[in-house]
Amino acid sequence: LSAMEHLWGERNFKGSLVLAGQRGWACEELLARCDDLSTRWPLRMMGYIPDDSVPSLIMGARIAVVPSRYEGFGLTGLEAMAGGVPVVSTRRGALPEVYGDAAAYFECGDVEQLADAIESLWLDDARRGELIAGGLERARLFSWDSTARKTLKVYRMLCGS
């Protein structure tokens, strides 16, 4: 939110921000801030998105931002990559391992770096194209079929069959 507020206020950024996802615990302060910002800037809070609506929401985005402090896998960014949307992410948890060179990264908590990454991808079509191509290729490495085969292989190994 701080990066977007900086972009809108200081850099005359024209992009909008869509926040999607179920509201979690201890989010009252965040929601109040979003309500305040949405009166001045193009911010939309979608809340919970049913599974069948997620692909169209993702594919309608110009950039997906994964600003996680910790992430065990990073499915959100991977889904964006599979949908042809470039990803901006922190280098936290499993994210660098999952996204590889197919994402633009910023240091967690660095508002200026995040603003720069968003603005760069918004304006630089060549870089967007590179990340889209890399993301599509990266996403192909993570299919549910492949996950099931690898899991079965581990089960068989553990069971001695």
N, C-alpha and C. Protein backbone atom coordinates (compact mmCIF):
# COMPACT_ATOMS: atom_id res chain seq x y z
N LEU A 1 0.82 -1.20 0.00
CA LEU A 1 0.00 0.00 0.00
C LEU A 1 0.86 1.26 0.00
N SER A 2 1.94 1.22 0.76
CA SER A 2 2.83 2.39 0.80
C SER A 2 3.49 2.63 -0.55
N ALA A 3 3.89 1.56 -1.23
CA ALA A 3 4.51 1.71 -2.55
C ALA A 3 3.51 2.30 -3.54
N MET A 4 2.29 1.82 -3.51
CA MET A 4 1.29 2.35 -4.44
C MET A 4 0.94 3.79 -4.09
N GLU A 5 0.82 4.11 -2.81
CA GLU A 5 0.54 5.49 -2.41
C GLU A 5 1.65 6.42 -2.90
N HIS A 6 2.89 5.95 -2.80
CA HIS A 6 4.03 6.72 -3.30
C HIS A 6 3.93 6.91 -4.82
N LEU A 7 3.62 5.83 -5.53
CA LEU A 7 3.50 5.92 -6.99
C LEU A 7 2.39 6.89 -7.40
N TRP A 8 1.24 6.76 -6.79
CA TRP A 8 0.12 7.63 -7.15
C TRP A 8 0.40 9.09 -6.80
N GLY A 9 0.92 9.31 -5.60
CA GLY A 9 1.08 10.67 -5.11
C GLY A 9 2.31 11.38 -5.63
N GLU A 10 3.44 10.68 -5.70
CA GLU A 10 4.71 11.32 -6.06
C GLU A 10 5.08 11.17 -7.53
N ARG A 11 4.60 10.12 -8.17
CA ARG A 11 5.04 9.84 -9.54
C ARG A 11 3.92 9.92 -10.57
N ASN A 12 2.74 10.32 -10.12
CA ASN A 12 1.60 10.46 -11.03
C ASN A 12 1.29 9.16 -11.78
N PHE A 13 1.43 8.05 -11.08
CA PHE A 13 1.21 6.73 -11.64
C PHE A 13 -0.27 6.55 -11.98
N LYS A 14 -0.56 5.95 -13.11
CA LYS A 14 -1.94 5.80 -13.58
C LYS A 14 -2.54 4.42 -13.33
N GLY A 15 -1.76 3.49 -12.85
CA GLY A 15 -2.27 2.14 -12.62
C GLY A 15 -3.14 2.05 -11.39
N SER A 16 -3.96 1.02 -11.36
CA SER A 16 -4.81 0.78 -10.20
C SER A 16 -4.31 -0.43 -9.43
N LEU A 17 -4.81 -0.59 -8.21
CA LEU A 17 -4.43 -1.70 -7.36
C LEU A 17 -5.68 -2.49 -7.02
N VAL A 18 -5.63 -3.80 -7.25
CA VAL A 18 -6.72 -4.70 -6.88
C VAL A 18 -6.18 -5.66 -5.84
N LEU A 19 -6.82 -5.69 -4.68
CA LEU A 19 -6.44 -6.61 -3.62
C LEU A 19 -7.50 -7.70 -3.55
N ALA A 20 -7.05 -8.94 -3.66
CA ALA A 20 -7.97 -10.07 -3.63
C ALA A 20 -7.56 -11.03 -2.53
N GLY A 21 -8.53 -11.66 -1.93
CA GLY A 21 -8.24 -12.66 -0.92
C GLY A 21 -9.15 -12.50 0.28
N GLN A 22 -9.34 -13.60 0.95
CA GLN A 22 -10.18 -13.63 2.13
C GLN A 22 -9.55 -12.79 3.24
N ARG A 23 -10.38 -12.10 3.97
CA ARG A 23 -9.88 -11.30 5.09
C ARG A 23 -9.42 -12.23 6.21
N GLY A 24 -8.25 -11.93 6.73
CA GLY A 24 -7.68 -12.77 7.78
C GLY A 24 -7.78 -12.13 9.14
N TRP A 25 -7.12 -12.75 10.09
CA TRP A 25 -7.13 -12.24 11.45
C TRP A 25 -6.27 -10.99 11.55
N ALA A 26 -6.61 -10.13 12.48
CA ALA A 26 -5.85 -8.90 12.77
C ALA A 26 -5.67 -8.02 11.54
N CYS A 27 -6.71 -7.89 10.73
CA CYS A 27 -6.59 -7.09 9.51
C CYS A 27 -7.35 -5.77 9.58
N GLU A 28 -7.87 -5.42 10.73
CA GLU A 28 -8.70 -4.23 10.85
C GLU A 28 -7.96 -2.96 10.45
N GLU A 29 -6.71 -2.82 10.89
CA GLU A 29 -5.92 -1.63 10.56
C GLU A 29 -5.66 -1.55 9.06
N LEU A 30 -5.35 -2.68 8.47
CA LEU A 30 -5.12 -2.74 7.02
C LEU A 30 -6.38 -2.36 6.26
N LEU A 31 -7.52 -2.89 6.67
CA LEU A 31 -8.78 -2.58 5.99
C LEU A 31 -9.14 -1.11 6.11
N ALA A 32 -8.89 -0.53 7.29
CA ALA A 32 -9.16 0.90 7.47
C ALA A 32 -8.28 1.73 6.55
N ARG A 33 -7.02 1.35 6.43
CA ARG A 33 -6.11 2.07 5.53
C ARG A 33 -6.57 1.94 4.07
N CYS A 34 -6.99 0.74 3.69
CA CYS A 34 -7.49 0.53 2.33
C CYS A 34 -8.74 1.39 2.07
N ASP A 35 -9.63 1.42 3.03
CA ASP A 35 -10.83 2.25 2.88
C ASP A 35 -10.46 3.70 2.67
N ASP A 36 -9.50 4.19 3.45
CA ASP A 36 -9.05 5.58 3.32
C ASP A 36 -8.41 5.82 1.95
N LEU A 37 -7.50 4.95 1.55
CA LEU A 37 -6.81 5.13 0.26
C LEU A 37 -7.78 5.05 -0.91
N SER A 38 -8.79 4.19 -0.80
CA SER A 38 -9.72 4.01 -1.93
C SER A 38 -10.58 5.24 -2.17
N THR A 39 -10.62 6.17 -1.23
CA THR A 39 -11.36 7.41 -1.45
C THR A 39 -10.56 8.39 -2.30
N ARG A 40 -9.24 8.17 -2.38
CA ARG A 40 -8.36 9.09 -3.12
C ARG A 40 -7.69 8.48 -4.34
N TRP A 41 -7.54 7.16 -4.36
CA TRP A 41 -6.77 6.51 -5.41
C TRP A 41 -7.54 5.31 -5.97
N PRO A 42 -7.13 4.81 -7.14
CA PRO A 42 -7.83 3.65 -7.74
C PRO A 42 -7.45 2.33 -7.07
N LEU A 43 -8.04 2.09 -5.91
CA LEU A 43 -7.81 0.89 -5.13
C LEU A 43 -9.13 0.16 -4.97
N ARG A 44 -9.12 -1.12 -5.30
CA ARG A 44 -10.34 -1.93 -5.19
C ARG A 44 -10.04 -3.17 -4.36
N MET A 45 -10.86 -3.41 -3.37
CA MET A 45 -10.72 -4.59 -2.53
C MET A 45 -11.78 -5.60 -2.94
N MET A 46 -11.32 -6.74 -3.44
CA MET A 46 -12.23 -7.75 -3.97
C MET A 46 -12.71 -8.74 -2.92
N GLY A 47 -11.93 -8.95 -1.86
CA GLY A 47 -12.28 -9.97 -0.88
C GLY A 47 -12.05 -11.36 -1.44
N TYR A 48 -12.81 -12.32 -0.92
CA TYR A 48 -12.67 -13.71 -1.34
C TYR A 48 -13.07 -13.87 -2.81
N ILE A 49 -12.26 -14.61 -3.56
CA ILE A 49 -12.53 -14.88 -4.97
C ILE A 49 -12.75 -16.38 -5.12
N PRO A 50 -13.91 -16.81 -5.63
CA PRO A 50 -14.12 -18.25 -5.85
C PRO A 50 -13.09 -18.80 -6.83
N ASP A 51 -12.73 -20.06 -6.63
CA ASP A 51 -11.69 -20.70 -7.45
C ASP A 51 -11.92 -20.53 -8.95
N ASP A 52 -13.17 -20.64 -9.40
CA ASP A 52 -13.43 -20.56 -10.84
C ASP A 52 -13.29 -19.14 -11.39
N SER A 53 -13.19 -18.14 -10.53
CA SER A 53 -13.01 -16.76 -10.97
C SER A 53 -11.57 -16.29 -10.90
N VAL A 54 -10.71 -17.06 -10.25
CA VAL A 54 -9.32 -16.65 -10.06
C VAL A 54 -8.58 -16.49 -11.40
N PRO A 55 -8.67 -17.45 -12.33
CA PRO A 55 -7.91 -17.27 -13.58
C PRO A 55 -8.26 -15.98 -14.33
N SER A 56 -9.52 -15.61 -14.42
CA SER A 56 -9.87 -14.39 -15.15
C SER A 56 -9.37 -13.15 -14.41
N LEU A 57 -9.39 -13.17 -13.08
CA LEU A 57 -8.85 -12.05 -12.32
C LEU A 57 -7.36 -11.90 -12.56
N ILE A 58 -6.64 -13.01 -12.48
CA ILE A 58 -5.19 -12.98 -12.69
C ILE A 58 -4.85 -12.52 -14.10
N MET A 59 -5.51 -13.08 -15.09
CA MET A 59 -5.17 -12.77 -16.48
C MET A 59 -5.58 -11.35 -16.86
N GLY A 60 -6.39 -10.71 -16.03
CA GLY A 60 -6.75 -9.32 -16.26
C GLY A 60 -5.75 -8.34 -15.66
N ALA A 61 -4.76 -8.87 -14.94
CA ALA A 61 -3.76 -8.01 -14.28
C ALA A 61 -2.62 -7.68 -15.23
N ARG A 62 -2.02 -6.54 -15.03
CA ARG A 62 -0.84 -6.16 -15.80
C ARG A 62 0.43 -6.65 -15.07
N ILE A 63 0.36 -6.66 -13.74
CA ILE A 63 1.48 -7.09 -12.90
C ILE A 63 0.88 -7.78 -11.67
N ALA A 64 1.52 -8.83 -11.20
CA ALA A 64 1.14 -9.45 -9.92
C ALA A 64 2.26 -9.18 -8.92
N VAL A 65 1.89 -8.71 -7.74
CA VAL A 65 2.87 -8.42 -6.70
C VAL A 65 2.69 -9.41 -5.56
N VAL A 66 3.79 -10.05 -5.17
CA VAL A 66 3.79 -11.01 -4.06
C VAL A 66 4.73 -10.44 -2.99
N PRO A 67 4.19 -9.59 -2.09
CA PRO A 67 5.04 -8.90 -1.12
C PRO A 67 5.20 -9.66 0.19
N SER A 68 5.28 -10.97 0.13
CA SER A 68 5.29 -11.81 1.33
C SER A 68 6.54 -11.64 2.17
N ARG A 69 6.33 -11.69 3.48
CA ARG A 69 7.45 -11.72 4.42
C ARG A 69 7.95 -13.16 4.56
N TYR A 70 7.05 -14.11 4.42
CA TYR A 70 7.41 -15.52 4.39
C TYR A 70 6.38 -16.25 3.55
N GLU A 71 6.84 -17.15 2.73
CA GLU A 71 5.95 -17.92 1.87
C GLU A 71 6.50 -19.33 1.76
N GLY A 72 5.65 -20.31 2.03
CA GLY A 72 6.08 -21.70 1.98
C GLY A 72 6.22 -22.24 0.57
N PHE A 73 5.47 -21.68 -0.38
CA PHE A 73 5.60 -22.13 -1.76
C PHE A 73 5.49 -20.98 -2.75
N GLY A 74 4.41 -20.25 -2.78
CA GLY A 74 4.28 -19.14 -3.73
C GLY A 74 3.34 -19.43 -4.87
N LEU A 75 2.25 -20.12 -4.59
CA LEU A 75 1.30 -20.50 -5.63
C LEU A 75 0.70 -19.29 -6.34
N THR A 76 0.45 -18.21 -5.63
CA THR A 76 -0.16 -17.02 -6.24
C THR A 76 0.68 -16.50 -7.40
N GLY A 77 1.96 -16.33 -7.18
CA GLY A 77 2.84 -15.85 -8.25
C GLY A 77 2.98 -16.85 -9.37
N LEU A 78 3.01 -18.12 -9.04
CA LEU A 78 3.12 -19.16 -10.06
C LEU A 78 1.86 -19.19 -10.93
N GLU A 79 0.70 -19.00 -10.32
CA GLU A 79 -0.54 -18.91 -11.09
C GLU A 79 -0.51 -17.70 -12.01
N ALA A 80 0.03 -16.59 -11.53
CA ALA A 80 0.15 -15.40 -12.37
C ALA A 80 1.07 -15.69 -13.56
N MET A 81 2.21 -16.31 -13.29
CA MET A 81 3.14 -16.66 -14.37
C MET A 81 2.46 -17.55 -15.40
N ALA A 82 1.72 -18.55 -14.95
CA ALA A 82 1.03 -19.46 -15.87
C ALA A 82 -0.01 -18.71 -16.70
N GLY A 83 -0.53 -17.61 -16.16
CA GLY A 83 -1.51 -16.81 -16.88
C GLY A 83 -0.90 -15.70 -17.72
N GLY A 84 0.43 -15.67 -17.83
CA GLY A 84 1.09 -14.66 -18.65
C GLY A 84 1.18 -13.29 -18.00
N VAL A 85 1.25 -13.26 -16.67
CA VAL A 85 1.35 -12.01 -15.93
C VAL A 85 2.71 -11.96 -15.24
N PRO A 86 3.48 -10.89 -15.45
CA PRO A 86 4.79 -10.80 -14.80
C PRO A 86 4.64 -10.60 -13.29
N VAL A 87 5.62 -11.10 -12.55
CA VAL A 87 5.56 -11.10 -11.09
C VAL A 87 6.67 -10.25 -10.50
N VAL A 88 6.30 -9.46 -9.48
CA VAL A 88 7.24 -8.74 -8.63
C VAL A 88 7.12 -9.38 -7.26
N SER A 89 8.25 -9.78 -6.68
CA SER A 89 8.21 -10.56 -5.44
C SER A 89 9.36 -10.21 -4.51
N THR A 90 9.18 -10.55 -3.24
CA THR A 90 10.28 -10.51 -2.30
C THR A 90 11.14 -11.75 -2.49
N ARG A 91 12.33 -11.72 -1.92
CA ARG A 91 13.21 -12.90 -1.94
C ARG A 91 13.10 -13.62 -0.60
N ARG A 92 11.90 -13.94 -0.19
CA ARG A 92 11.67 -14.54 1.12
C ARG A 92 11.12 -15.95 0.96
N GLY A 93 11.40 -16.78 1.97
CA GLY A 93 10.89 -18.15 1.99
C GLY A 93 11.27 -18.89 0.72
N ALA A 94 10.32 -19.61 0.17
CA ALA A 94 10.55 -20.43 -1.01
C ALA A 94 10.41 -19.66 -2.33
N LEU A 95 10.07 -18.39 -2.26
CA LEU A 95 9.77 -17.65 -3.49
C LEU A 95 10.91 -17.63 -4.51
N PRO A 96 12.14 -17.32 -4.14
CA PRO A 96 13.20 -17.33 -5.15
C PRO A 96 13.42 -18.70 -5.77
N GLU A 97 13.24 -19.75 -4.97
CA GLU A 97 13.41 -21.11 -5.50
C GLU A 97 12.31 -21.45 -6.49
N VAL A 98 11.10 -21.02 -6.21
CA VAL A 98 9.97 -21.32 -7.11
C VAL A 98 10.00 -20.43 -8.34
N TYR A 99 10.22 -19.13 -8.16
CA TYR A 99 10.14 -18.18 -9.28
C TYR A 99 11.42 -18.07 -10.10
N GLY A 100 12.56 -18.41 -9.50
CA GLY A 100 13.83 -18.35 -10.23
C GLY A 100 14.09 -16.98 -10.82
N ASP A 101 14.58 -16.97 -12.06
CA ASP A 101 14.88 -15.71 -12.75
C ASP A 101 13.66 -15.14 -13.47
N ALA A 102 12.51 -15.75 -13.26
CA ALA A 102 11.31 -15.33 -13.99
C ALA A 102 10.49 -14.28 -13.26
N ALA A 103 11.04 -13.69 -12.20
CA ALA A 103 10.35 -12.63 -11.46
C ALA A 103 11.30 -11.46 -11.26
N ALA A 104 10.71 -10.29 -11.03
CA ALA A 104 11.49 -9.13 -10.59
C ALA A 104 11.41 -9.13 -9.07
N TYR A 105 12.52 -8.86 -8.40
CA TYR A 105 12.56 -8.94 -6.95
C TYR A 105 12.82 -7.59 -6.31
N PHE A 106 12.37 -7.45 -5.06
CA PHE A 106 12.67 -6.29 -4.25
C PHE A 106 12.89 -6.76 -2.82
N GLU A 107 13.61 -5.97 -2.05
CA GLU A 107 13.86 -6.31 -0.65
C GLU A 107 12.59 -6.08 0.16
N CYS A 108 12.21 -7.07 0.93
CA CYS A 108 11.01 -7.00 1.76
C CYS A 108 11.06 -5.75 2.64
N GLY A 109 10.01 -4.96 2.58
CA GLY A 109 9.91 -3.76 3.39
C GLY A 109 10.47 -2.51 2.73
N ASP A 110 11.14 -2.63 1.58
CA ASP A 110 11.72 -1.48 0.90
C ASP A 110 10.69 -0.89 -0.07
N VAL A 111 9.98 0.12 0.41
CA VAL A 111 8.88 0.72 -0.34
C VAL A 111 9.36 1.30 -1.66
N GLU A 112 10.49 1.98 -1.64
CA GLU A 112 11.03 2.60 -2.85
C GLU A 112 11.40 1.56 -3.91
N GLN A 113 12.03 0.46 -3.48
CA GLN A 113 12.38 -0.61 -4.41
C GLN A 113 11.14 -1.23 -5.03
N LEU A 114 10.12 -1.46 -4.21
CA LEU A 114 8.88 -2.03 -4.73
C LEU A 114 8.23 -1.07 -5.72
N ALA A 115 8.17 0.20 -5.38
CA ALA A 115 7.59 1.20 -6.29
C ALA A 115 8.36 1.22 -7.61
N ASP A 116 9.69 1.17 -7.53
CA ASP A 116 10.51 1.16 -8.75
C ASP A 116 10.22 -0.08 -9.60
N ALA A 117 10.10 -1.24 -8.96
CA ALA A 117 9.85 -2.49 -9.69
C ALA A 117 8.49 -2.45 -10.38
N ILE A 118 7.48 -1.97 -9.68
CA ILE A 118 6.14 -1.87 -10.27
C ILE A 118 6.15 -0.91 -11.44
N GLU A 119 6.71 0.28 -11.23
CA GLU A 119 6.73 1.29 -12.29
C GLU A 119 7.52 0.81 -13.50
N SER A 120 8.65 0.16 -13.26
CA SER A 120 9.47 -0.34 -14.35
C SER A 120 8.70 -1.34 -15.21
N LEU A 121 8.04 -2.30 -14.56
CA LEU A 121 7.29 -3.29 -15.33
C LEU A 121 6.07 -2.69 -16.00
N TRP A 122 5.51 -1.67 -15.40
CA TRP A 122 4.35 -1.00 -15.98
C TRP A 122 4.73 -0.30 -17.28
N LEU A 123 5.92 0.29 -17.31
CA LEU A 123 6.32 1.13 -18.44
C LEU A 123 7.21 0.43 -19.46
N ASP A 124 7.96 -0.58 -19.06
CA ASP A 124 8.96 -1.22 -19.92
C ASP A 124 8.39 -2.50 -20.54
N ASP A 125 7.85 -2.37 -21.75
CA ASP A 125 7.22 -3.52 -22.42
C ASP A 125 8.21 -4.63 -22.72
N ALA A 126 9.46 -4.29 -23.01
CA ALA A 126 10.47 -5.32 -23.29
C ALA A 126 10.72 -6.17 -22.04
N ARG A 127 10.89 -5.51 -20.90
CA ARG A 127 11.12 -6.25 -19.64
C ARG A 127 9.89 -7.06 -19.27
N ARG A 128 8.71 -6.50 -19.46
CA ARG A 128 7.47 -7.24 -19.21
C ARG A 128 7.45 -8.50 -20.06
N GLY A 129 7.80 -8.35 -21.34
CA GLY A 129 7.81 -9.49 -22.25
C GLY A 129 8.78 -10.57 -21.81
N GLU A 130 9.97 -10.15 -21.35
CA GLU A 130 10.96 -11.12 -20.85
C GLU A 130 10.42 -11.90 -19.66
N LEU A 131 9.82 -11.20 -18.71
CA LEU A 131 9.30 -11.87 -17.52
C LEU A 131 8.08 -12.72 -17.84
N ILE A 132 7.26 -12.29 -18.78
CA ILE A 132 6.11 -13.11 -19.19
C ILE A 132 6.61 -14.42 -19.79
N ALA A 133 7.55 -14.33 -20.73
CA ALA A 133 8.09 -15.54 -21.37
C ALA A 133 8.76 -16.45 -20.34
N GLY A 134 9.58 -15.87 -19.48
CA GLY A 134 10.24 -16.65 -18.45
C GLY A 134 9.26 -17.26 -17.46
N GLY A 135 8.22 -16.51 -17.13
CA GLY A 135 7.21 -17.01 -16.20
C GLY A 135 6.41 -18.16 -16.77
N LEU A 136 6.05 -18.07 -18.05
CA LEU A 136 5.32 -19.17 -18.69
C LEU A 136 6.17 -20.44 -18.68
N GLU A 137 7.45 -20.28 -18.99
CA GLU A 137 8.36 -21.42 -18.99
C GLU A 137 8.53 -21.99 -17.57
N ARG A 138 8.67 -21.11 -16.60
CA ARG A 138 8.86 -21.53 -15.22
C ARG A 138 7.62 -22.26 -14.70
N ALA A 139 6.44 -21.75 -15.01
CA ALA A 139 5.20 -22.35 -14.53
C ALA A 139 5.01 -23.77 -15.07
N ARG A 140 5.53 -24.04 -16.26
CA ARG A 140 5.41 -25.39 -16.83
C ARG A 140 6.14 -26.45 -16.00
N LEU A 141 7.08 -26.01 -15.18
CA LEU A 141 7.83 -26.95 -14.33
C LEU A 141 7.01 -27.45 -13.15
N PHE A 142 5.88 -26.78 -12.87
CA PHE A 142 5.09 -27.08 -11.68
C PHE A 142 3.66 -27.44 -12.06
N SER A 143 3.45 -28.67 -12.48
CA SER A 143 2.08 -29.10 -12.79
C SER A 143 1.57 -30.01 -11.68
N TRP A 144 0.26 -30.09 -11.52
CA TRP A 144 -0.32 -30.98 -10.51
C TRP A 144 -0.02 -32.43 -10.85
N ASP A 145 0.00 -32.76 -12.15
CA ASP A 145 0.32 -34.12 -12.58
C ASP A 145 1.75 -34.50 -12.16
N SER A 146 2.69 -33.60 -12.39
CA SER A 146 4.07 -33.84 -12.01
C SER A 146 4.20 -33.97 -10.49
N THR A 147 3.49 -33.12 -9.75
CA THR A 147 3.51 -33.19 -8.29
C THR A 147 2.99 -34.54 -7.81
N ALA A 148 1.90 -35.00 -8.40
CA ALA A 148 1.33 -36.30 -8.01
C ALA A 148 2.30 -37.43 -8.31
N ARG A 149 2.96 -37.42 -9.48
CA ARG A 149 3.92 -38.46 -9.82
C ARG A 149 5.10 -38.48 -8.85
N LYS A 150 5.61 -37.30 -8.52
CA LYS A 150 6.74 -37.22 -7.60
C LYS A 150 6.34 -37.67 -6.19
N THR A 151 5.15 -37.31 -5.77
CA THR A 151 4.67 -37.74 -4.45
C THR A 151 4.51 -39.25 -4.41
N LEU A 152 3.94 -39.83 -5.46
CA LEU A 152 3.79 -41.28 -5.53
C LEU A 152 5.15 -41.98 -5.50
N LYS A 153 6.12 -41.40 -6.19
CA LYS A 153 7.47 -41.98 -6.20
C LYS A 153 8.05 -42.01 -4.79
N VAL A 154 7.85 -40.94 -4.01
CA VAL A 154 8.35 -40.90 -2.63
C VAL A 154 7.62 -41.94 -1.78
N TYR A 155 6.30 -42.03 -1.93
CA TYR A 155 5.53 -43.04 -1.18
C TYR A 155 6.04 -44.45 -1.49
N ARG A 156 6.26 -44.73 -2.76
CA ARG A 156 6.75 -46.06 -3.14
C ARG A 156 8.13 -46.33 -2.56
N MET A 157 8.97 -45.33 -2.58
CA MET A 157 10.30 -45.48 -2.03
C MET A 157 10.22 -45.75 -0.51
N LEU A 158 9.38 -45.04 0.18
CA LEU A 158 9.24 -45.20 1.63
C LEU A 158 8.61 -46.55 1.99
N CYS A 159 7.74 -47.03 1.11
CA CYS A 159 7.06 -48.33 1.37
C CYS A 159 7.87 -49.50 0.84
N GLY A 160 8.96 -49.23 0.15
CA GLY A 160 9.79 -50.31 -0.36
C GLY A 160 9.21 -51.03 -1.56
N SER A 161 8.36 -50.36 -2.33
CA SER A 161 7.80 -51.02 -3.51
C SER A 161 8.19 -50.33 -4.79
